[in-house]
């Protein structure tokens, strides 16, 4: 039992000492093993589900798994904008075509 506890303690100390791995930074498509190097220097792979046709590789850190090119400018299924208590809708230029 002591051996198991000691092994677990050693493994836990290695995990803590290693910390998190920073995202991989690419320079060219050749750095991405069949993928492409995006403008923000992360590897992305082809994915027909994404509007851009590309999804960040898991090596891209927090962006890993997200569709490339979504940013925060719009409301997308992968990154929806947060809801607010009150939303304004500008209808000043709207016309009734019925």
Protein backbone atom coordinates (compact mmCIF):
# COMPACT_ATOMS: atom_id res chain seq x y z
CA UNK A 1 0.00 0.00 0.00
CA UNK A 2 2.84 2.37 0.84
CA UNK A 3 4.42 1.68 -2.55
CA UNK A 4 1.19 2.64 -4.32
CA UNK A 5 0.86 5.84 -2.29
CA UNK A 6 4.51 6.73 -2.94
CA UNK A 7 4.10 6.08 -6.68
CA UNK A 8 1.02 8.28 -6.77
CA UNK A 9 2.83 11.08 -4.89
CA UNK A 10 5.76 10.94 -7.32
CA UNK A 11 3.44 10.99 -10.36
CA UNK A 12 1.50 13.94 -8.92
CA UNK A 13 4.69 15.91 -8.28
CA UNK A 14 5.79 15.37 -11.92
CA UNK A 15 2.40 16.56 -13.17
CA UNK A 16 2.61 19.71 -11.05
CA UNK A 17 6.22 20.41 -12.03
CA UNK A 18 5.48 20.08 -15.75
CA UNK A 19 2.65 22.62 -15.72
CA UNK A 20 0.85 23.45 -18.93
CA UNK A 21 2.38 23.14 -22.35
CA UNK A 22 2.30 26.39 -24.38
CA UNK A 23 0.56 26.33 -27.78
CA UNK A 24 2.66 25.20 -30.74
CA UNK A 25 3.72 28.08 -33.01
CA UNK A 26 4.17 27.34 -36.71
CA UNK A 27 5.90 29.37 -39.42
CA UNK A 28 4.85 27.53 -42.59
CA UNK A 29 2.34 24.88 -43.68
CA UNK A 30 5.18 22.34 -43.64
CA UNK A 31 5.31 22.74 -39.82
CA UNK A 32 1.75 21.41 -39.52
CA UNK A 33 2.01 17.80 -40.77
CA UNK A 34 -0.63 17.97 -43.49
CA UNK A 35 -2.46 20.98 -42.07
CA UNK A 36 -2.02 24.69 -42.70
CA UNK A 37 -0.29 27.37 -40.66
CA UNK A 38 -2.87 30.09 -39.99
CA UNK A 39 -2.29 33.85 -39.83
CA UNK A 40 -2.06 33.65 -36.03
CA UNK A 41 0.67 30.98 -36.32
CA UNK A 42 -1.35 27.95 -35.16
CA UNK A 43 -1.89 24.73 -37.11
CA UNK A 44 -5.34 23.98 -38.50
CA UNK A 45 -6.79 20.97 -40.27
CA UNK A 46 -9.47 20.71 -42.93
CA UNK A 47 -13.02 20.51 -41.53
CA UNK A 48 -16.09 20.90 -43.76
CA UNK A 49 -18.29 21.71 -40.74
CA UNK A 50 -16.47 25.02 -40.16
CA UNK A 51 -17.47 28.02 -42.33
CA UNK A 52 -13.79 28.68 -43.08
CA UNK A 53 -13.17 24.99 -43.87
CA UNK A 54 -10.52 24.81 -41.14
CA UNK A 55 -10.46 23.81 -37.46
CA UNK A 56 -7.56 24.55 -35.09
CA UNK A 57 -5.47 21.54 -34.15
CA UNK A 58 -5.31 20.55 -30.46
CA UNK A 59 -1.76 21.97 -30.41
CA UNK A 60 -3.25 25.50 -30.72
CA UNK A 61 -3.83 25.81 -26.98
CA UNK A 62 -7.18 27.31 -25.95
CA UNK A 63 -8.16 27.73 -29.62
CA UNK A 64 -7.75 23.97 -30.19
CA UNK A 65 -10.90 22.43 -31.63
CA UNK A 66 -12.44 25.79 -32.59
CA UNK A 67 -13.22 26.78 -36.17
CA UNK A 68 -10.63 29.11 -37.69
CA UNK A 69 -11.73 32.66 -38.44
CA UNK A 70 -14.65 33.02 -36.08
CA UNK A 71 -13.04 35.53 -33.75
CA UNK A 72 -15.44 37.32 -31.44
CA UNK A 73 -17.05 39.62 -33.99
CA UNK A 74 -20.15 37.53 -34.59
CA UNK A 75 -22.51 35.00 -33.14
CA UNK A 76 -21.49 31.47 -34.15
CA UNK A 77 -22.48 28.01 -32.97
CA UNK A 78 -18.92 27.33 -31.78
CA UNK A 79 -18.60 30.69 -29.99
CA UNK A 80 -21.99 32.23 -29.24
CA UNK A 81 -22.14 35.77 -27.94
CA UNK A 82 -23.26 36.01 -24.33
CA UNK A 83 -26.86 37.01 -23.74
CA UNK A 84 -27.59 40.30 -22.04
CA UNK A 85 -30.55 41.18 -19.83
CA UNK A 86 -31.69 43.80 -22.36
CA UNK A 87 -30.95 43.77 -26.10
CA UNK A 88 -31.38 46.77 -28.42
CA UNK A 89 -32.42 46.25 -32.02
CA UNK A 90 -31.95 49.10 -34.47
CA UNK A 91 -35.00 49.17 -36.75
CA UNK A 92 -34.59 52.75 -37.93
CA UNK A 93 -33.78 51.63 -41.49
CA UNK A 94 -36.39 48.88 -41.65
CA UNK A 95 -39.19 48.96 -44.20
CA UNK A 96 -42.46 47.08 -44.37
CA UNK A 97 -42.53 45.36 -47.75
CA UNK A 98 -45.86 43.58 -47.30
